[in-house]
Amino acid sequence: MSLGASRTAVANYALTYWENHNPAYRSIPDNCTNVVSQALAAGGWSQVDGYYTQNNAWWYDAILPIQTYTWVNAEDLYQFGNVNANRFHRTDYLEPYLAGDIAFFQWYTEQSDRMDHAAVITWVDASGMPYFTENSNDHVNKSSAAMLAEHPINDVWSAYDI
């Protein structure tokens, strides 16, 4: 199932800009969701107008130094895509993971039940294990086991069709 973006374009964008950031966009601290949003835009997601703090808007302004919270914050993008704009479909563990899908992670659930991190699934091995490319720590095709080993506090993560 695809909900409006080209998985191939999303994965290719992540693989292109995981280390050498796209100069057309500002880098921000904890850049993970910013790059996921860039990848979704490259994959064909259209921007949605609205006030920058609202979870039903998703846009980036290349001229003014502003973008929506949903563009740069994992929990807000999760809320936008999963709840408010219906652009994500949760991947059931019985469904295959696909390159170009988006993954959200909860690292700090004893402090919060919010999504703390976002990454693009850029490769799936023969056994169905997804590998992630992410920008906060500049990793390409990192296994889920390696991702979770870095954050042993919690192993909660979810993948979403786009």
N, C-alpha and C. Protein backbone atom coordinates (compact mmCIF):
# COMPACT_ATOMS: atom_id res chain seq x y z
N MET A 1 0.85 -1.18 0.00
CA MET A 1 0.00 0.00 0.00
C MET A 1 0.89 1.24 0.00
N SER A 2 0.61 2.20 -0.86
CA SER A 2 1.32 3.46 -0.85
C SER A 2 0.30 4.56 -0.65
N LEU A 3 0.62 5.49 0.23
CA LEU A 3 -0.33 6.55 0.57
C LEU A 3 0.16 7.91 0.07
N GLY A 4 0.69 7.95 -1.13
CA GLY A 4 0.97 9.24 -1.72
C GLY A 4 2.42 9.62 -1.92
N ALA A 5 3.35 8.75 -1.65
CA ALA A 5 4.75 9.06 -1.90
C ALA A 5 5.41 7.88 -2.60
N SER A 6 6.43 8.17 -3.35
CA SER A 6 7.22 7.13 -3.99
C SER A 6 8.23 6.60 -3.00
N ARG A 7 8.08 5.34 -2.61
CA ARG A 7 9.04 4.75 -1.67
C ARG A 7 10.45 4.80 -2.22
N THR A 8 10.59 4.54 -3.51
CA THR A 8 11.92 4.55 -4.13
C THR A 8 12.56 5.92 -3.99
N ALA A 9 11.81 6.98 -4.27
CA ALA A 9 12.34 8.34 -4.16
C ALA A 9 12.68 8.68 -2.71
N VAL A 10 11.84 8.26 -1.77
CA VAL A 10 12.10 8.52 -0.34
C VAL A 10 13.39 7.82 0.09
N ALA A 11 13.52 6.54 -0.24
CA ALA A 11 14.73 5.80 0.15
C ALA A 11 15.96 6.36 -0.54
N ASN A 12 15.86 6.68 -1.82
CA ASN A 12 17.01 7.24 -2.53
C ASN A 12 17.45 8.58 -1.95
N TYR A 13 16.49 9.41 -1.55
CA TYR A 13 16.83 10.69 -0.93
C TYR A 13 17.62 10.45 0.36
N ALA A 14 17.11 9.57 1.20
CA ALA A 14 17.79 9.28 2.47
C ALA A 14 19.20 8.75 2.22
N LEU A 15 19.34 7.87 1.24
CA LEU A 15 20.66 7.31 0.93
C LEU A 15 21.60 8.36 0.35
N THR A 16 21.06 9.35 -0.31
CA THR A 16 21.88 10.42 -0.89
C THR A 16 22.33 11.42 0.17
N TYR A 17 21.44 11.77 1.11
CA TYR A 17 21.71 12.88 2.03
C TYR A 17 21.90 12.46 3.49
N TRP A 18 22.15 11.20 3.76
CA TRP A 18 22.31 10.76 5.15
C TRP A 18 23.55 11.38 5.78
N GLU A 19 24.58 11.65 5.01
CA GLU A 19 25.82 12.18 5.57
C GLU A 19 26.11 13.60 5.08
N ASN A 20 25.97 13.82 3.79
CA ASN A 20 26.19 15.14 3.20
C ASN A 20 24.84 15.80 3.04
N HIS A 21 24.51 16.67 3.95
CA HIS A 21 23.18 17.25 4.02
C HIS A 21 22.87 18.08 2.77
N ASN A 22 21.62 18.08 2.37
CA ASN A 22 21.17 18.83 1.21
C ASN A 22 21.27 20.32 1.52
N PRO A 23 22.06 21.07 0.74
CA PRO A 23 22.23 22.50 1.03
C PRO A 23 20.98 23.33 0.80
N ALA A 24 19.96 22.77 0.16
CA ALA A 24 18.71 23.50 -0.03
C ALA A 24 17.89 23.60 1.25
N TYR A 25 18.28 22.84 2.28
CA TYR A 25 17.56 22.83 3.56
C TYR A 25 18.50 23.19 4.71
N ARG A 26 17.92 23.81 5.73
CA ARG A 26 18.67 24.11 6.94
C ARG A 26 18.84 22.82 7.75
N SER A 27 20.01 22.65 8.36
CA SER A 27 20.19 21.59 9.34
C SER A 27 19.82 22.15 10.70
N ILE A 28 19.24 21.32 11.50
CA ILE A 28 18.85 21.74 12.85
C ILE A 28 19.37 20.69 13.83
N PRO A 29 19.44 21.03 15.11
CA PRO A 29 19.83 20.00 16.08
C PRO A 29 18.85 18.83 16.03
N ASP A 30 19.36 17.64 16.27
CA ASP A 30 18.51 16.44 16.17
C ASP A 30 17.76 16.43 14.84
N ASN A 31 18.53 16.37 13.78
CA ASN A 31 18.07 16.59 12.42
C ASN A 31 17.25 15.44 11.82
N CYS A 32 16.96 14.39 12.58
CA CYS A 32 16.36 13.18 12.00
C CYS A 32 15.05 13.45 11.28
N THR A 33 14.12 14.10 11.92
CA THR A 33 12.79 14.29 11.33
C THR A 33 12.84 15.29 10.19
N ASN A 34 13.72 16.27 10.28
CA ASN A 34 13.92 17.22 9.19
C ASN A 34 14.28 16.47 7.91
N VAL A 35 15.21 15.52 7.99
CA VAL A 35 15.62 14.77 6.80
C VAL A 35 14.53 13.80 6.36
N VAL A 36 13.80 13.20 7.28
CA VAL A 36 12.67 12.35 6.90
C VAL A 36 11.64 13.18 6.15
N SER A 37 11.35 14.39 6.62
CA SER A 37 10.40 15.26 5.91
C SER A 37 10.92 15.63 4.54
N GLN A 38 12.21 15.94 4.44
CA GLN A 38 12.80 16.23 3.13
C GLN A 38 12.62 15.04 2.19
N ALA A 39 12.85 13.84 2.70
CA ALA A 39 12.71 12.63 1.89
C ALA A 39 11.25 12.43 1.46
N LEU A 40 10.31 12.68 2.37
CA LEU A 40 8.90 12.56 2.01
C LEU A 40 8.51 13.58 0.95
N ALA A 41 9.05 14.81 1.06
CA ALA A 41 8.78 15.83 0.04
C ALA A 41 9.39 15.40 -1.30
N ALA A 42 10.61 14.86 -1.27
CA ALA A 42 11.24 14.37 -2.49
C ALA A 42 10.45 13.21 -3.09
N GLY A 43 9.78 12.45 -2.24
CA GLY A 43 8.98 11.33 -2.69
C GLY A 43 7.60 11.71 -3.20
N GLY A 44 7.23 12.98 -3.03
CA GLY A 44 5.97 13.43 -3.60
C GLY A 44 4.91 13.90 -2.62
N TRP A 45 5.20 13.84 -1.32
CA TRP A 45 4.22 14.39 -0.38
C TRP A 45 4.07 15.88 -0.64
N SER A 46 2.84 16.36 -0.75
CA SER A 46 2.61 17.79 -0.92
C SER A 46 2.57 18.46 0.45
N GLN A 47 3.05 19.70 0.47
CA GLN A 47 3.05 20.46 1.71
C GLN A 47 1.61 20.89 2.02
N VAL A 48 1.32 21.04 3.32
CA VAL A 48 -0.02 21.38 3.77
C VAL A 48 0.07 22.68 4.58
N ASP A 49 -0.65 23.69 4.10
CA ASP A 49 -0.63 24.99 4.77
C ASP A 49 -1.29 24.93 6.13
N GLY A 50 -0.91 25.84 6.97
CA GLY A 50 -1.48 25.98 8.30
C GLY A 50 -0.48 26.64 9.22
N TYR A 51 -0.90 26.91 10.43
CA TYR A 51 -0.03 27.55 11.41
C TYR A 51 1.08 26.59 11.81
N TYR A 52 2.28 27.10 11.97
CA TYR A 52 3.46 26.24 12.14
C TYR A 52 3.43 25.35 13.38
N THR A 53 2.62 25.66 14.37
CA THR A 53 2.57 24.82 15.57
C THR A 53 1.47 23.76 15.50
N GLN A 54 0.65 23.78 14.47
CA GLN A 54 -0.47 22.84 14.38
C GLN A 54 -0.03 21.51 13.77
N ASN A 55 -0.57 20.42 14.31
CA ASN A 55 -0.23 19.09 13.80
C ASN A 55 -1.01 18.69 12.55
N ASN A 56 -1.80 19.61 12.01
CA ASN A 56 -2.48 19.32 10.75
C ASN A 56 -1.85 20.10 9.59
N ALA A 57 -0.70 20.73 9.83
CA ALA A 57 0.05 21.45 8.80
C ALA A 57 1.43 20.80 8.67
N TRP A 58 1.98 20.84 7.45
CA TRP A 58 3.31 20.26 7.21
C TRP A 58 3.94 21.02 6.06
N TRP A 59 4.89 21.89 6.39
CA TRP A 59 5.54 22.68 5.34
C TRP A 59 6.90 23.17 5.82
N TYR A 60 7.68 23.62 4.83
CA TYR A 60 9.03 24.16 5.03
C TYR A 60 9.13 25.42 4.21
N ASP A 61 9.65 26.49 4.80
CA ASP A 61 9.86 27.74 4.09
C ASP A 61 11.35 27.92 3.85
N ALA A 62 11.77 27.88 2.59
CA ALA A 62 13.19 27.98 2.25
C ALA A 62 13.72 29.41 2.37
N ILE A 63 12.84 30.39 2.37
CA ILE A 63 13.27 31.79 2.44
C ILE A 63 13.32 32.26 3.89
N LEU A 64 12.21 32.14 4.58
CA LEU A 64 12.18 32.50 6.00
C LEU A 64 12.69 31.32 6.81
N PRO A 65 13.39 31.56 7.88
CA PRO A 65 13.89 30.41 8.67
C PRO A 65 12.80 29.82 9.56
N ILE A 66 11.81 29.22 8.92
CA ILE A 66 10.70 28.65 9.68
C ILE A 66 10.16 27.42 8.94
N GLN A 67 9.65 26.50 9.72
CA GLN A 67 8.97 25.32 9.21
C GLN A 67 8.00 24.87 10.30
N THR A 68 7.11 23.97 9.94
CA THR A 68 6.16 23.50 10.94
C THR A 68 6.85 22.58 11.94
N TYR A 69 6.24 22.48 13.10
CA TYR A 69 6.72 21.52 14.08
C TYR A 69 6.68 20.11 13.50
N THR A 70 5.68 19.85 12.66
CA THR A 70 5.56 18.52 12.06
C THR A 70 6.71 18.21 11.11
N TRP A 71 7.36 19.22 10.58
CA TRP A 71 8.49 19.01 9.67
C TRP A 71 9.72 18.55 10.42
N VAL A 72 9.88 19.00 11.69
CA VAL A 72 11.16 18.78 12.38
C VAL A 72 11.08 17.97 13.68
N ASN A 73 9.91 17.64 14.15
CA ASN A 73 9.78 16.90 15.41
C ASN A 73 9.12 15.54 15.17
N ALA A 74 9.76 14.49 15.67
CA ALA A 74 9.28 13.13 15.41
C ALA A 74 7.84 12.93 15.86
N GLU A 75 7.50 13.32 17.08
CA GLU A 75 6.13 13.11 17.57
C GLU A 75 5.13 13.89 16.73
N ASP A 76 5.48 15.11 16.36
CA ASP A 76 4.55 15.92 15.57
C ASP A 76 4.37 15.36 14.16
N LEU A 77 5.44 14.88 13.53
CA LEU A 77 5.30 14.25 12.21
C LEU A 77 4.47 12.97 12.34
N TYR A 78 4.71 12.21 13.39
CA TYR A 78 3.92 11.00 13.65
C TYR A 78 2.43 11.36 13.76
N GLN A 79 2.11 12.40 14.53
CA GLN A 79 0.71 12.82 14.69
C GLN A 79 0.13 13.31 13.37
N PHE A 80 0.91 14.08 12.63
CA PHE A 80 0.45 14.58 11.33
C PHE A 80 0.14 13.42 10.38
N GLY A 81 1.10 12.54 10.19
CA GLY A 81 0.95 11.48 9.19
C GLY A 81 0.02 10.37 9.59
N ASN A 82 -0.04 10.08 10.89
CA ASN A 82 -0.82 8.95 11.36
C ASN A 82 -2.24 9.33 11.77
N VAL A 83 -2.39 10.51 12.35
CA VAL A 83 -3.69 10.89 12.92
C VAL A 83 -4.37 11.98 12.10
N ASN A 84 -3.69 13.09 11.87
CA ASN A 84 -4.35 14.28 11.31
C ASN A 84 -4.49 14.27 9.79
N ALA A 85 -3.50 13.75 9.07
CA ALA A 85 -3.57 13.80 7.61
C ALA A 85 -3.79 12.43 6.99
N ASN A 86 -3.78 11.39 7.79
CA ASN A 86 -4.00 10.02 7.32
C ASN A 86 -3.06 9.65 6.16
N ARG A 87 -1.78 10.04 6.31
CA ARG A 87 -0.79 9.73 5.28
C ARG A 87 0.07 8.53 5.64
N PHE A 88 -0.02 8.05 6.86
CA PHE A 88 0.72 6.87 7.26
C PHE A 88 -0.26 5.73 7.51
N HIS A 89 0.20 4.53 7.25
CA HIS A 89 -0.55 3.32 7.59
C HIS A 89 0.41 2.43 8.36
N ARG A 90 0.08 2.11 9.58
CA ARG A 90 0.98 1.30 10.40
C ARG A 90 1.21 -0.06 9.75
N THR A 91 2.47 -0.42 9.65
CA THR A 91 2.84 -1.70 9.09
C THR A 91 2.64 -2.78 10.14
N ASP A 92 1.77 -3.72 9.86
CA ASP A 92 1.55 -4.85 10.75
C ASP A 92 2.79 -5.73 10.72
N TYR A 93 3.12 -6.33 11.84
CA TYR A 93 4.31 -7.18 11.89
C TYR A 93 4.22 -8.35 10.92
N LEU A 94 3.02 -8.66 10.44
CA LEU A 94 2.87 -9.73 9.47
C LEU A 94 3.11 -9.24 8.04
N GLU A 95 3.05 -7.93 7.84
CA GLU A 95 3.29 -7.37 6.52
C GLU A 95 4.79 -7.19 6.33
N PRO A 96 5.25 -7.24 5.12
CA PRO A 96 6.68 -7.01 4.90
C PRO A 96 7.03 -5.54 5.05
N TYR A 97 8.20 -5.28 5.63
CA TYR A 97 8.72 -3.92 5.63
C TYR A 97 9.22 -3.62 4.24
N LEU A 98 9.14 -2.38 3.82
CA LEU A 98 9.56 -1.99 2.48
C LEU A 98 10.49 -0.79 2.55
N ALA A 99 11.52 -0.80 1.72
CA ALA A 99 12.40 0.35 1.63
C ALA A 99 11.57 1.56 1.23
N GLY A 100 11.80 2.66 1.92
CA GLY A 100 11.04 3.88 1.70
C GLY A 100 9.98 4.13 2.74
N ASP A 101 9.65 3.12 3.55
CA ASP A 101 8.73 3.35 4.65
C ASP A 101 9.43 4.11 5.76
N ILE A 102 8.65 4.66 6.66
CA ILE A 102 9.17 5.50 7.75
C ILE A 102 9.04 4.75 9.07
N ALA A 103 10.05 4.88 9.91
CA ALA A 103 10.01 4.27 11.24
C ALA A 103 10.11 5.36 12.30
N PHE A 104 9.33 5.19 13.35
CA PHE A 104 9.38 6.09 14.51
C PHE A 104 9.79 5.27 15.72
N PHE A 105 10.59 5.87 16.59
CA PHE A 105 11.13 5.20 17.77
C PHE A 105 10.79 5.96 19.04
N GLN A 106 10.48 5.22 20.09
CA GLN A 106 10.34 5.78 21.44
C GLN A 106 11.55 5.35 22.23
N TRP A 107 12.44 6.29 22.51
CA TRP A 107 13.63 5.95 23.29
C TRP A 107 13.41 6.15 24.78
N TYR A 108 12.58 7.07 25.16
CA TYR A 108 12.54 7.51 26.57
C TYR A 108 11.16 7.33 27.19
N THR A 109 10.59 6.15 27.09
CA THR A 109 9.21 5.99 27.52
C THR A 109 9.01 6.12 29.02
N GLU A 110 10.08 5.95 29.82
CA GLU A 110 9.86 6.15 31.24
C GLU A 110 9.66 7.63 31.55
N GLN A 111 10.03 8.50 30.62
CA GLN A 111 9.83 9.93 30.78
C GLN A 111 8.67 10.43 29.92
N SER A 112 8.37 9.70 28.86
CA SER A 112 7.41 10.19 27.88
C SER A 112 6.90 9.03 27.04
N ASP A 113 5.72 9.19 26.50
CA ASP A 113 5.22 8.19 25.56
C ASP A 113 5.22 8.76 24.14
N ARG A 114 6.06 9.76 23.92
CA ARG A 114 6.17 10.41 22.61
C ARG A 114 7.20 9.71 21.73
N MET A 115 7.02 9.83 20.44
CA MET A 115 8.02 9.36 19.49
C MET A 115 9.22 10.31 19.57
N ASP A 116 10.40 9.73 19.74
CA ASP A 116 11.60 10.53 19.93
C ASP A 116 12.50 10.60 18.70
N HIS A 117 12.29 9.72 17.75
CA HIS A 117 13.23 9.62 16.63
C HIS A 117 12.49 9.11 15.39
N ALA A 118 12.95 9.55 14.22
CA ALA A 118 12.39 9.08 12.96
C ALA A 118 13.53 8.70 12.02
N ALA A 119 13.29 7.70 11.19
CA ALA A 119 14.28 7.24 10.22
C ALA A 119 13.56 6.66 9.02
N VAL A 120 14.30 6.50 7.94
CA VAL A 120 13.76 5.90 6.72
C VAL A 120 14.27 4.46 6.63
N ILE A 121 13.38 3.53 6.35
CA ILE A 121 13.81 2.17 6.04
C ILE A 121 14.38 2.22 4.62
N THR A 122 15.67 1.90 4.49
CA THR A 122 16.31 2.00 3.18
C THR A 122 16.73 0.65 2.60
N TRP A 123 16.62 -0.39 3.40
CA TRP A 123 16.95 -1.72 2.89
C TRP A 123 16.25 -2.74 3.77
N VAL A 124 15.85 -3.84 3.18
CA VAL A 124 15.25 -4.96 3.90
C VAL A 124 15.98 -6.21 3.43
N ASP A 125 16.55 -6.96 4.39
CA ASP A 125 17.32 -8.15 4.00
C ASP A 125 16.38 -9.31 3.65
N ALA A 126 16.95 -10.42 3.23
CA ALA A 126 16.17 -11.57 2.77
C ALA A 126 15.26 -12.15 3.85
N SER A 127 15.62 -11.95 5.11
CA SER A 127 14.79 -12.46 6.20
C SER A 127 13.65 -11.49 6.57
N GLY A 128 13.63 -10.31 5.93
CA GLY A 128 12.60 -9.31 6.23
C GLY A 128 13.02 -8.28 7.26
N MET A 129 14.27 -8.35 7.72
CA MET A 129 14.77 -7.40 8.73
C MET A 129 15.00 -6.03 8.08
N PRO A 130 14.37 -4.97 8.64
CA PRO A 130 14.57 -3.63 8.07
C PRO A 130 15.88 -3.01 8.55
N TYR A 131 16.44 -2.20 7.67
CA TYR A 131 17.64 -1.41 7.97
C TYR A 131 17.29 0.05 7.76
N PHE A 132 17.83 0.90 8.62
CA PHE A 132 17.42 2.30 8.68
C PHE A 132 18.56 3.23 8.29
N THR A 133 18.18 4.31 7.64
CA THR A 133 19.11 5.40 7.38
C THR A 133 18.56 6.61 8.10
N GLU A 134 19.45 7.25 8.85
CA GLU A 134 19.02 8.36 9.69
C GLU A 134 20.10 9.41 9.74
N ASN A 135 19.69 10.62 10.12
CA ASN A 135 20.59 11.74 10.00
C ASN A 135 21.07 12.31 11.32
N SER A 136 20.39 12.12 12.40
CA SER A 136 20.88 12.70 13.66
C SER A 136 22.27 12.17 14.00
N ASN A 137 22.47 10.88 13.76
CA ASN A 137 23.77 10.27 14.03
C ASN A 137 24.47 9.82 12.75
N ASP A 138 23.96 10.20 11.61
CA ASP A 138 24.55 9.90 10.30
C ASP A 138 24.88 8.43 10.13
N HIS A 139 23.83 7.61 10.04
CA HIS A 139 23.99 6.18 9.79
C HIS A 139 23.26 5.79 8.51
N VAL A 140 23.85 4.87 7.78
CA VAL A 140 23.21 4.36 6.57
C VAL A 140 23.02 2.85 6.73
N ASN A 141 21.83 2.37 6.39
CA ASN A 141 21.49 0.95 6.44
C ASN A 141 21.90 0.30 7.76
N LYS A 142 21.46 0.88 8.84
CA LYS A 142 21.76 0.39 10.18
C LYS A 142 20.66 -0.60 10.59
N SER A 143 21.07 -1.75 11.08
CA SER A 143 20.09 -2.79 11.44
C SER A 143 19.24 -2.34 12.62
N SER A 144 18.06 -2.93 12.71
CA SER A 144 17.20 -2.62 13.85
C SER A 144 17.87 -3.05 15.15
N ALA A 145 18.60 -4.16 15.13
CA ALA A 145 19.31 -4.60 16.34
C ALA A 145 20.34 -3.57 16.77
N ALA A 146 21.07 -3.00 15.83
CA ALA A 146 22.06 -1.97 16.16
C ALA A 146 21.39 -0.70 16.64
N MET A 147 20.27 -0.33 16.04
CA MET A 147 19.54 0.86 16.49
C MET A 147 19.10 0.69 17.94
N LEU A 148 18.54 -0.47 18.25
CA LEU A 148 18.01 -0.70 19.59
C LEU A 148 19.12 -0.90 20.61
N ALA A 149 20.26 -1.42 20.19
CA ALA A 149 21.39 -1.59 21.11
C ALA A 149 21.92 -0.24 21.59
N GLU A 150 21.81 0.77 20.77
CA GLU A 150 22.25 2.12 21.16
C GLU A 150 21.32 2.75 22.17
N HIS A 151 20.10 2.28 22.23
CA HIS A 151 19.08 2.86 23.11
C HIS A 151 18.39 1.75 23.89
N PRO A 152 19.10 1.12 24.83
CA PRO A 152 18.54 -0.03 25.53
C PRO A 152 17.42 0.32 26.50
N ILE A 153 17.14 1.60 26.70
CA ILE A 153 16.08 2.01 27.61
C ILE A 153 14.76 1.41 27.17
N ASN A 154 14.53 1.40 25.86
CA ASN A 154 13.26 0.91 25.35
C ASN A 154 13.45 0.44 23.92
N ASP A 155 12.74 -0.59 23.54
CA ASP A 155 12.85 -1.08 22.17
C ASP A 155 11.56 -0.90 21.40
N VAL A 156 10.81 0.14 21.73
CA VAL A 156 9.54 0.39 21.05
C VAL A 156 9.80 1.16 19.76
N TRP A 157 9.37 0.58 18.66
CA TRP A 157 9.40 1.31 17.40
C TRP A 157 8.28 0.79 16.51
N SER A 158 7.88 1.61 15.56
CA SER A 158 6.80 1.27 14.65
C SER A 158 7.19 1.72 13.25
N ALA A 159 6.81 0.93 12.26
CA ALA A 159 7.05 1.30 10.87
C ALA A 159 5.71 1.68 10.23
N TYR A 160 5.79 2.58 9.27
CA TYR A 160 4.58 3.09 8.61
C TYR A 160 4.77 3.12 7.11
N ASP A 161 3.76 2.58 6.40
CA ASP A 161 3.69 2.75 4.95
C ASP A 161 3.46 4.23 4.69
N ILE A 162 3.98 4.68 3.57
CA ILE A 162 3.78 6.09 3.21
C ILE A 162 2.88 6.19 2.00
